[in-house]
PDB file of N, CA and C in Angstrom:
ATOM      1  N   UNK A   1     132.680  92.738  16.409  1.00  0.00           N
ATOM      2  CA  UNK A   1     132.441  91.783  17.130  1.00  0.00           C
ATOM      3  C   UNK A   1     130.740  91.393  17.313  1.00  0.00           C
ATOM      4  N   UNK A   2     130.654  90.186  17.391  1.00  0.00           N
ATOM      5  CA  UNK A   2     129.041  89.506  17.637  1.00  0.00           C
ATOM      6  C   UNK A   2     128.539  90.214  18.676  1.00  0.00           C
ATOM      7  N   UNK A   3     127.278  90.554  18.745  1.00  0.00           N
ATOM      8  CA  UNK A   3     126.687  90.884  20.179  1.00  0.00           C
ATOM      9  C   UNK A   3     126.604  89.816  21.401  1.00  0.00           C
ATOM     10  N   UNK A   4     126.636  88.771  20.963  1.00  0.00           N
ATOM     11  CA  UNK A   4     126.797  87.508  22.158  1.00  0.00           C
ATOM     12  C   UNK A   4     127.998  87.234  22.431  1.00  0.00           C
ATOM     13  N   UNK A   5     129.197  88.219  21.667  1.00  0.00           N
ATOM     14  CA  UNK A   5     130.244  87.452  22.374  1.00  0.00           C
ATOM     15  C   UNK A   5     130.693  88.299  23.738  1.00  0.00           C
ATOM     16  N   UNK A   6     131.149  87.593  24.547  1.00  0.00           N
ATOM     17  CA  UNK A   6     131.733  87.660  25.711  1.00  0.00           C
ATOM     18  C   UNK A   6     132.908  88.855  25.878  1.00  0.00           C
ATOM     19  N   UNK A   7     132.629  90.165  26.592  1.00  0.00           N
ATOM     20  CA  UNK A   7     133.687  91.375  26.177  1.00  0.00           C
ATOM     21  C   UNK A   7     134.773  90.945  26.675  1.00  0.00           C
ATOM     22  N   UNK A   8     134.747  90.302  27.785  1.00  0.00           N
ATOM     23  CA  UNK A   8     136.119  89.903  28.474  1.00  0.00           C
ATOM     24  C   UNK A   8     136.823  88.691  27.779  1.00  0.00           C
ATOM     25  N   UNK A   9     136.180  87.573  27.590  1.00  0.00           N
ATOM     26  CA  UNK A   9     137.051  86.409  26.826  1.00  0.00           C
ATOM     27  C   UNK A   9     137.265  86.437  25.383  1.00  0.00           C
ATOM     28  N   UNK A  10     136.275  87.192  24.658  1.00  0.00           N
ATOM     29  CA  UNK A  10     136.336  87.373  23.210  1.00  0.00           C
ATOM     30  C   UNK A  10     135.632  86.405  22.736  1.00  0.00           C
ATOM     31  N   UNK A  11     134.970  85.516  23.394  1.00  0.00           N
ATOM     32  CA  UNK A  11     134.509  84.351  22.939  1.00  0.00           C
ATOM     33  C   UNK A  11     132.928  84.292  22.995  1.00  0.00           C
ATOM     34  N   UNK A  12     132.333  83.675  22.220  1.00  0.00           N
ATOM     35  CA  UNK A  12     131.042  83.192  22.203  1.00  0.00           C
ATOM     36  C   UNK A  12     130.523  82.237  23.091  1.00  0.00           C
ATOM     37  N   UNK A  13     129.332  82.525  24.148  1.00  0.00           N
ATOM     38  CA  UNK A  13     129.185  81.483  25.084  1.00  0.00           C
ATOM     39  C   UNK A  13     128.436  80.228  24.664  1.00  0.00           C
ATOM     40  N   UNK A  14     129.127  79.144  25.085  1.00  0.00           N
ATOM     41  CA  UNK A  14     128.238  77.681  24.468  1.00  0.00           C
ATOM     42  C   UNK A  14     126.855  77.816  25.064  1.00  0.00           C
ATOM     43  N   UNK A  15     125.951  77.657  23.702  1.00  0.00           N
ATOM     44  CA  UNK A  15     124.588  77.813  23.758  1.00  0.00           C
ATOM     45  C   UNK A  15     124.155  76.417  24.171  1.00  0.00           C
ATOM     46  N   UNK A  16     124.867  75.197  24.126  1.00  0.00           N
ATOM     47  CA  UNK A  16     124.241  73.800  24.742  1.00  0.00           C
ATOM     48  C   UNK A  16     124.179  73.555  25.887  1.00  0.00           C
ATOM     49  N   UNK A  17     123.012  73.246  26.275  1.00  0.00           N
ATOM     50  CA  UNK A  17     122.781  72.523  27.726  1.00  0.00           C
ATOM     51  C   UNK A  17     123.780  72.063  28.366  1.00  0.00           C
ATOM     52  N   UNK A  18     123.958  72.459  29.606  1.00  0.00           N
ATOM     53  CA  UNK A  18     125.100  71.790  30.329  1.00  0.00           C
ATOM     54  C   UNK A  18     124.651  70.352  30.837  1.00  0.00           C
ATOM     55  N   UNK A  19     123.438  69.715  30.271  1.00  0.00           N
ATOM     56  CA  UNK A  19     122.993  68.727  30.898  1.00  0.00           C
ATOM     57  C   UNK A  19     122.005  68.566  32.083  1.00  0.00           C
ATOM     58  N   UNK A  20     121.346  67.554  32.287  1.00  0.00           N
ATOM     59  CA  UNK A  20     120.428  67.674  33.420  1.00  0.00           C
ATOM     60  C   UNK A  20     120.978  67.148  34.593  1.00  0.00           C
ATOM     61  N   UNK A  21     120.800  67.919  35.620  1.00  0.00           N
ATOM     62  CA  UNK A  21     121.551  67.382  36.999  1.00  0.00           C
ATOM     63  C   UNK A  21     121.167  66.204  37.445  1.00  0.00           C
ATOM     64  N   UNK A  22     119.605  65.683  37.392  1.00  0.00           N
ATOM     65  CA  UNK A  22     119.294  64.477  37.734  1.00  0.00           C
ATOM     66  C   UNK A  22     120.243  63.103  37.382  1.00  0.00           C
ATOM     67  N   UNK A  23     120.692  63.690  35.962  1.00  0.00           N
ATOM     68  CA  UNK A  23     121.457  62.489  35.536  1.00  0.00           C
ATOM     69  C   UNK A  23     123.025  62.444  36.172  1.00  0.00           C
ATOM     70  N   UNK A  24     123.484  63.220  36.971  1.00  0.00           N
ATOM     71  CA  UNK A  24     124.587  62.892  37.530  1.00  0.00           C
ATOM     72  C   UNK A  24     124.021  62.052  38.694  1.00  0.00           C
ATOM     73  N   UNK A  25     123.044  62.454  39.371  1.00  0.00           N
ATOM     74  CA  UNK A  25     122.233  61.797  40.469  1.00  0.00           C
ATOM     75  C   UNK A  25     120.984  61.460  40.065  1.00  0.00           C
ATOM     76  N   UNK A  26     120.804  60.036  39.972  1.00  0.00           N
ATOM     77  CA  UNK A  26     119.500  59.682  39.691  1.00  0.00           C
ATOM     78  C   UNK A  26     118.342  59.739  40.896  1.00  0.00           C
ATOM     79  N   UNK A  27     118.922  59.761  42.029  1.00  0.00           N
ATOM     80  CA  UNK A  27     117.753  59.819  43.273  1.00  0.00           C
ATOM     81  C   UNK A  27     117.328  61.125  43.346  1.00  0.00           C
ATOM     82  N   UNK A  28     118.130  62.272  42.746  1.00  0.00           N
ATOM     83  CA  UNK A  28     117.757  63.494  42.910  1.00  0.00           C
ATOM     84  C   UNK A  28     116.820  63.843  41.797  1.00  0.00           C
ATOM     85  N   UNK A  29     115.197  64.342  42.003  1.00  0.00           N
ATOM     86  CA  UNK A  29     114.341  64.415  41.260  1.00  0.00           C
ATOM     87  C   UNK A  29     113.799  65.764  41.467  1.00  0.00           C
ATOM     88  N   UNK A  30     114.178  66.531  42.095  1.00  0.00           N
ATOM     89  CA  UNK A  30     113.499  68.074  42.268  1.00  0.00           C
ATOM     90  C   UNK A  30     112.165  67.985  42.719  1.00  0.00           C
ATOM     91  N   UNK A  31     111.211  68.797  42.347  1.00  0.00           N
ATOM     92  CA  UNK A  31     110.158  68.967  43.048  1.00  0.00           C
ATOM     93  C   UNK A  31     109.007  67.800  42.303  1.00  0.00           C
ATOM     94  N   UNK A  32     109.701  67.218  41.674  1.00  0.00           N
ATOM     95  CA  UNK A  32     108.859  66.065  40.768  1.00  0.00           C
ATOM     96  C   UNK A  32     109.224  64.676  41.485  1.00  0.00           C
ATOM     97  N   UNK A  33     109.206  64.443  42.834  1.00  0.00           N
ATOM     98  CA  UNK A  33     110.163  63.259  43.190  1.00  0.00           C
ATOM     99  C   UNK A  33     109.308  62.288  43.347  1.00  0.00           C
ATOM    100  N   UNK A  34     108.942  61.561  42.048  1.00  0.00           N
ATOM    101  CA  UNK A  34     107.502  60.563  42.203  1.00  0.00           C
ATOM    102  C   UNK A  34     107.940  59.707  42.788  1.00  0.00           C
ATOM    103  N   UNK A  35     109.359  58.966  43.222  1.00  0.00           N
ATOM    104  CA  UNK A  35     109.644  57.607  43.924  1.00  0.00           C
ATOM    105  C   UNK A  35     109.249  57.704  45.516  1.00  0.00           C
ATOM    106  N   UNK A  36     109.675  59.280  45.947  1.00  0.00           N
ATOM    107  CA  UNK A  36     109.750  59.150  47.260  1.00  0.00           C
ATOM    108  C   UNK A  36     108.146  59.504  47.409  1.00  0.00           C
ATOM    109  N   UNK A  37     107.693  60.289  46.712  1.00  0.00           N
ATOM    110  CA  UNK A  37     106.150  60.465  47.098  1.00  0.00           C
ATOM    111  C   UNK A  37     105.264  59.157  47.017  1.00  0.00           C
ATOM    112  N   UNK A  38     105.888  58.348  46.207  1.00  0.00           N
ATOM    113  CA  UNK A  38     104.994  56.874  45.951  1.00  0.00           C
ATOM    114  C   UNK A  38     105.529  56.099  47.367  1.00  0.00           C
ATOM    115  N   UNK A  39     106.449  56.405  47.760  1.00  0.00           N
ATOM    116  CA  UNK A  39     106.928  55.392  49.207  1.00  0.00           C
ATOM    117  C   UNK A  39     106.205  56.165  50.154  1.00  0.00           C
ATOM    118  N   UNK A  40     106.055  57.481  50.253  1.00  0.00           N
ATOM    119  CA  UNK A  40     105.543  57.973  51.260  1.00  0.00           C
ATOM    120  C   UNK A  40     103.880  57.702  51.597  1.00  0.00           C
ATOM    121  N   UNK A  41     103.332  57.611  50.348  1.00  0.00           N
ATOM    122  CA  UNK A  41     101.666  57.502  50.162  1.00  0.00           C
ATOM    123  C   UNK A  41     101.885  56.000  50.564  1.00  0.00           C
ATOM    124  N   UNK A  42     102.822  54.958  49.980  1.00  0.00           N
ATOM    125  CA  UNK A  42     102.542  53.270  50.769  1.00  0.00           C
ATOM    126  C   UNK A  42     102.664  53.546  52.018  1.00  0.00           C
ATOM    127  N   UNK A  43     103.545  53.856  52.715  1.00  0.00           N
ATOM    128  CA  UNK A  43     103.915  53.865  54.279  1.00  0.00           C
ATOM    129  C   UNK A  43     102.865  54.578  54.907  1.00  0.00           C
ATOM    130  N   UNK A  44     102.065  55.566  54.662  1.00  0.00           N
ATOM    131  CA  UNK A  44     101.135  56.558  55.266  1.00  0.00           C
ATOM    132  C   UNK A  44      99.479  55.315  55.046  1.00  0.00           C
ATOM    133  N   UNK A  45      99.467  54.821  54.018  1.00  0.00           N
ATOM    134  CA  UNK A  45      98.540  53.814  53.866  1.00  0.00           C
ATOM    135  C   UNK A  45      98.680  52.490  54.822  1.00  0.00           C
ATOM    136  N   UNK A  46      99.709  52.198  54.640  1.00  0.00           N
ATOM    137  CA  UNK A  46     100.227  51.132  55.755  1.00  0.00           C
ATOM    138  C   UNK A  46      99.851  51.416  56.798  1.00  0.00           C
ATOM    139  N   UNK A  47     100.190  52.483  57.577  1.00  0.00           N
ATOM    140  CA  UNK A  47      99.845  52.960  59.007  1.00  0.00           C
ATOM    141  C   UNK A  47      98.753  52.985  59.442  1.00  0.00           C
ATOM    142  N   UNK A  48      98.155  53.661  58.449  1.00  0.00           N
ATOM    143  CA  UNK A  48      96.264  53.681  58.401  1.00  0.00           C
ATOM    144  C   UNK A  48      95.741  52.430  58.670  1.00  0.00           C
ATOM    145  N   UNK A  49      96.076  51.376  57.670  1.00  0.00           N
ATOM    146  CA  UNK A  49      95.499  50.172  57.716  1.00  0.00           C
ATOM    147  C   UNK A  49      95.929  49.118  59.058  1.00  0.00           C
ATOM    148  N   UNK A  50      97.098  49.375  59.409  1.00  0.00           N
ATOM    149  CA  UNK A  50      97.491  49.026  60.615  1.00  0.00           C
ATOM    150  C   UNK A  50      96.765  49.121  61.684  1.00  0.00           C
ATOM    151  N   UNK A  51      96.031  50.192  61.851  1.00  0.00           N
ATOM    152  CA  UNK A  51      95.024  50.473  63.101  1.00  0.00           C
ATOM    153  C   UNK A  51      95.356  50.936  64.376  1.00  0.00           C
ATOM    154  N   UNK A  52      96.857  51.746  63.929  1.00  0.00           N
ATOM    155  CA  UNK A  52      97.624  52.117  64.970  1.00  0.00           C
ATOM    156  C   UNK A  52      97.294  53.748  65.173  1.00  0.00           C
ATOM    157  N   UNK A  53      96.341  54.082  64.544  1.00  0.00           N
ATOM    158  CA  UNK A  53      96.141  55.618  64.082  1.00  0.00           C
ATOM    159  C   UNK A  53      95.644  56.010  65.878  1.00  0.00           C
ATOM    160  N   UNK A  54      94.490  55.594  66.228  1.00  0.00           N
ATOM    161  CA  UNK A  54      93.997  55.896  67.468  1.00  0.00           C
ATOM    162  C   UNK A  54      94.954  56.088  68.537  1.00  0.00           C
ATOM    163  N   UNK A  55      95.668  54.926  68.729  1.00  0.00           N
ATOM    164  CA  UNK A  55      96.741  54.786  69.667  1.00  0.00           C
ATOM    165  C   UNK A  55      98.084  55.826  69.450  1.00  0.00           C
ATOM    166  N   UNK A  56      98.361  56.162  68.297  1.00  0.00           N
ATOM    167  CA  UNK A  56      99.122  57.222  68.048  1.00  0.00           C
ATOM    168  C   UNK A  56      98.795  58.721  68.113  1.00  0.00           C
ATOM    169  N   UNK A  57      97.595  59.107  68.103  1.00  0.00           N
ATOM    170  CA  UNK A  57      96.847  60.067  68.209  1.00  0.00           C
ATOM    171  C   UNK A  57      96.741  60.299  69.934  1.00  0.00           C
ATOM    172  N   UNK A  58      96.668  59.050  70.664  1.00  0.00           N
ATOM    173  CA  UNK A  58      96.322  59.405  72.018  1.00  0.00           C
ATOM    174  C   UNK A  58      97.697  59.761  72.665  1.00  0.00           C
ATOM    175  N   UNK A  59      99.119  58.857  72.010  1.00  0.00           N
ATOM    176  CA  UNK A  59     100.353  59.089  72.549  1.00  0.00           C
ATOM    177  C   UNK A  59     100.711  60.447  72.009  1.00  0.00           C
ATOM    178  N   UNK A  60      99.884  61.188  71.101  1.00  0.00           N
ATOM    179  CA  UNK A  60     100.332  62.397  70.797  1.00  0.00           C
ATOM    180  C   UNK A  60      99.991  63.716  71.529  1.00  0.00           C
ATOM    181  N   UNK A  61      98.948  63.110  72.281  1.00  0.00           N
ATOM    182  CA  UNK A  61      98.095  64.157  72.905  1.00  0.00           C
ATOM    183  C   UNK A  61      98.815  64.751  74.149  1.00  0.00           C
ATOM    184  N   UNK A  62      98.749  66.380  74.396  1.00  0.00           N
ATOM    185  CA  UNK A  62      99.230  66.978  75.035  1.00  0.00           C
ATOM    186  C   UNK A  62      98.929  66.040  76.826  1.00  0.00           C
ATOM    187  N   UNK A  63      99.918  66.086  77.794  1.00  0.00           N
ATOM    188  CA  UNK A  63      99.768  65.687  78.724  1.00  0.00           C
ATOM    189  C   UNK A  63      99.450  66.651  79.772  1.00  0.00           C
ATOM    190  N   UNK A  64     100.106  67.840  79.727  1.00  0.00           N
ATOM    191  CA  UNK A  64      99.668  68.793  80.790  1.00  0.00           C
ATOM    192  C   UNK A  64      98.993  69.889  80.031  1.00  0.00           C
ATOM    193  N   UNK A  65      98.714  70.812  80.741  1.00  0.00           N
ATOM    194  CA  UNK A  65      97.982  72.254  80.406  1.00  0.00           C
ATOM    195  C   UNK A  65      99.286  72.926  79.560  1.00  0.00           C
ATOM    196  N   UNK A  66     100.279  72.865  79.998  1.00  0.00           N
ATOM    197  CA  UNK A  66     101.785  73.681  79.669  1.00  0.00           C
ATOM    198  C   UNK A  66     101.716  72.941  77.979  1.00  0.00           C
ATOM    199  N   UNK A  67     101.815  71.904  78.037  1.00  0.00           N
ATOM    200  CA  UNK A  67     101.880  71.192  76.588  1.00  0.00           C
ATOM    201  C   UNK A  67     100.623  71.313  75.511  1.00  0.00           C
ATOM    202  N   UNK A  68      99.582  71.568  76.135  1.00  0.00           N
ATOM    203  CA  UNK A  68      98.516  71.936  75.533  1.00  0.00           C
ATOM    204  C   UNK A  68      98.402  73.484  74.905  1.00  0.00           C
ATOM    205  N   UNK A  69      99.106  74.233  75.776  1.00  0.00           N
ATOM    206  CA  UNK A  69      99.203  75.580  75.481  1.00  0.00           C
ATOM    207  C   UNK A  69     100.348  75.278  74.325  1.00  0.00           C
ATOM    208  N   UNK A  70     101.368  74.895  74.383  1.00  0.00           N
ATOM    209  CA  UNK A  70     102.392  74.974  73.365  1.00  0.00           C
ATOM    210  C   UNK A  70     102.144  74.379  72.533  1.00  0.00           C
ATOM    211  N   UNK A  71     101.422  73.643  72.249  1.00  0.00           N
ATOM    212  CA  UNK A  71     100.896  72.996  71.224  1.00  0.00           C
ATOM    213  C   UNK A  71      99.844  73.922  70.366  1.00  0.00           C
ATOM    214  N   UNK A  72      99.000  74.517  71.018  1.00  0.00           N
ATOM    215  CA  UNK A  72      98.154  75.613  70.543  1.00  0.00           C
ATOM    216  C   UNK A  72      98.810  77.062  69.999  1.00  0.00           C
ATOM    217  N   UNK A  73      99.988  77.095  70.777  1.00  0.00           N
ATOM    218  CA  UNK A  73     100.538  78.543  70.309  1.00  0.00           C
ATOM    219  C   UNK A  73     101.631  78.002  69.019  1.00  0.00           C
ATOM    220  N   UNK A  74     102.310  76.723  68.698  1.00  0.00           N
ATOM    221  CA  UNK A  74     102.560  76.587  67.686  1.00  0.00           C
ATOM    222  C   UNK A  74     101.712  76.107  66.320  1.00  0.00           C
ATOM    223  N   UNK A  75     100.643  75.724  66.724  1.00  0.00           N
ATOM    224  CA  UNK A  75      99.461  75.766  65.585  1.00  0.00           C
ATOM    225  C   UNK A  75      98.856  77.097  65.193  1.00  0.00           C
ATOM    226  N   UNK A  76      98.949  78.244  66.197  1.00  0.00           N
ATOM    227  CA  UNK A  76      98.411  79.557  65.700  1.00  0.00           C
ATOM    228  C   UNK A  76      99.665  80.088  64.804  1.00  0.00           C
ATOM    229  N   UNK A  77     100.810  79.697  65.264  1.00  0.00           N
ATOM    230  CA  UNK A  77     101.930  80.106  64.472  1.00  0.00           C
ATOM    231  C   UNK A  77     101.921  79.891  62.957  1.00  0.00           C
ATOM    232  N   UNK A  78     101.658  78.357  62.888  1.00  0.00           N
ATOM    233  CA  UNK A  78     101.674  77.942  61.694  1.00  0.00           C
ATOM    234  C   UNK A  78     100.564  78.429  60.995  1.00  0.00           C
ATOM    235  N   UNK A  79      99.337  78.421  61.438  1.00  0.00           N
ATOM    236  CA  UNK A  79      98.446  79.312  60.734  1.00  0.00           C
ATOM    237  C   UNK A  79      98.800  80.642  60.058  1.00  0.00           C
ATOM    238  N   UNK A  80      99.191  81.247  61.096  1.00  0.00           N
ATOM    239  CA  UNK A  80      99.680  82.564  60.788  1.00  0.00           C
ATOM    240  C   UNK A  80     100.207  82.797  59.386  1.00  0.00           C
ATOM    241  N   UNK A  81     100.963  81.734  58.957  1.00  0.00           N
ATOM    242  CA  UNK A  81     102.115  81.438  57.932  1.00  0.00           C
ATOM    243  C   UNK A  81     101.071  81.458  56.727  1.00  0.00           C
ATOM    244  N   UNK A  82     100.112  80.765  56.494  1.00  0.00           N
ATOM    245  CA  UNK A  82      99.431  79.741  55.749  1.00  0.00           C
ATOM    246  C   UNK A  82      98.335  81.095  54.824  1.00  0.00           C
ATOM    247  N   UNK A  83      98.436  80.730  53.199  1.00  0.00           N
ATOM    248  CA  UNK A  83      97.865  81.376  52.379  1.00  0.00           C
ATOM    249  C   UNK A  83      96.146  81.482  52.793  1.00  0.00           C
ATOM    250  N   UNK A  84      95.771  82.800  52.445  1.00  0.00           N
ATOM    251  CA  UNK A  84      94.437  82.798  52.756  1.00  0.00           C
ATOM    252  C   UNK A  84      93.390  82.840  51.591  1.00  0.00           C
TER     253      UNK A  84
END
């Protein structure tokens, strides 16, 4: 019996690749999703070019001391998970 033979089935496993999962779904590109990256970059550049950044930052600013403390706590929590 060949050392590569499956003991239960008595067959040699197929060594051919099963195909690329991206072939089944062309939108699925894994970690290298260049299409999504390009779309995000264009959107971010358009937002910056629109001149609405300062207004959005002002709208996102905490309105109360409680919100400010909550945002600072969330930032600290996020930073605690960052690599150093």
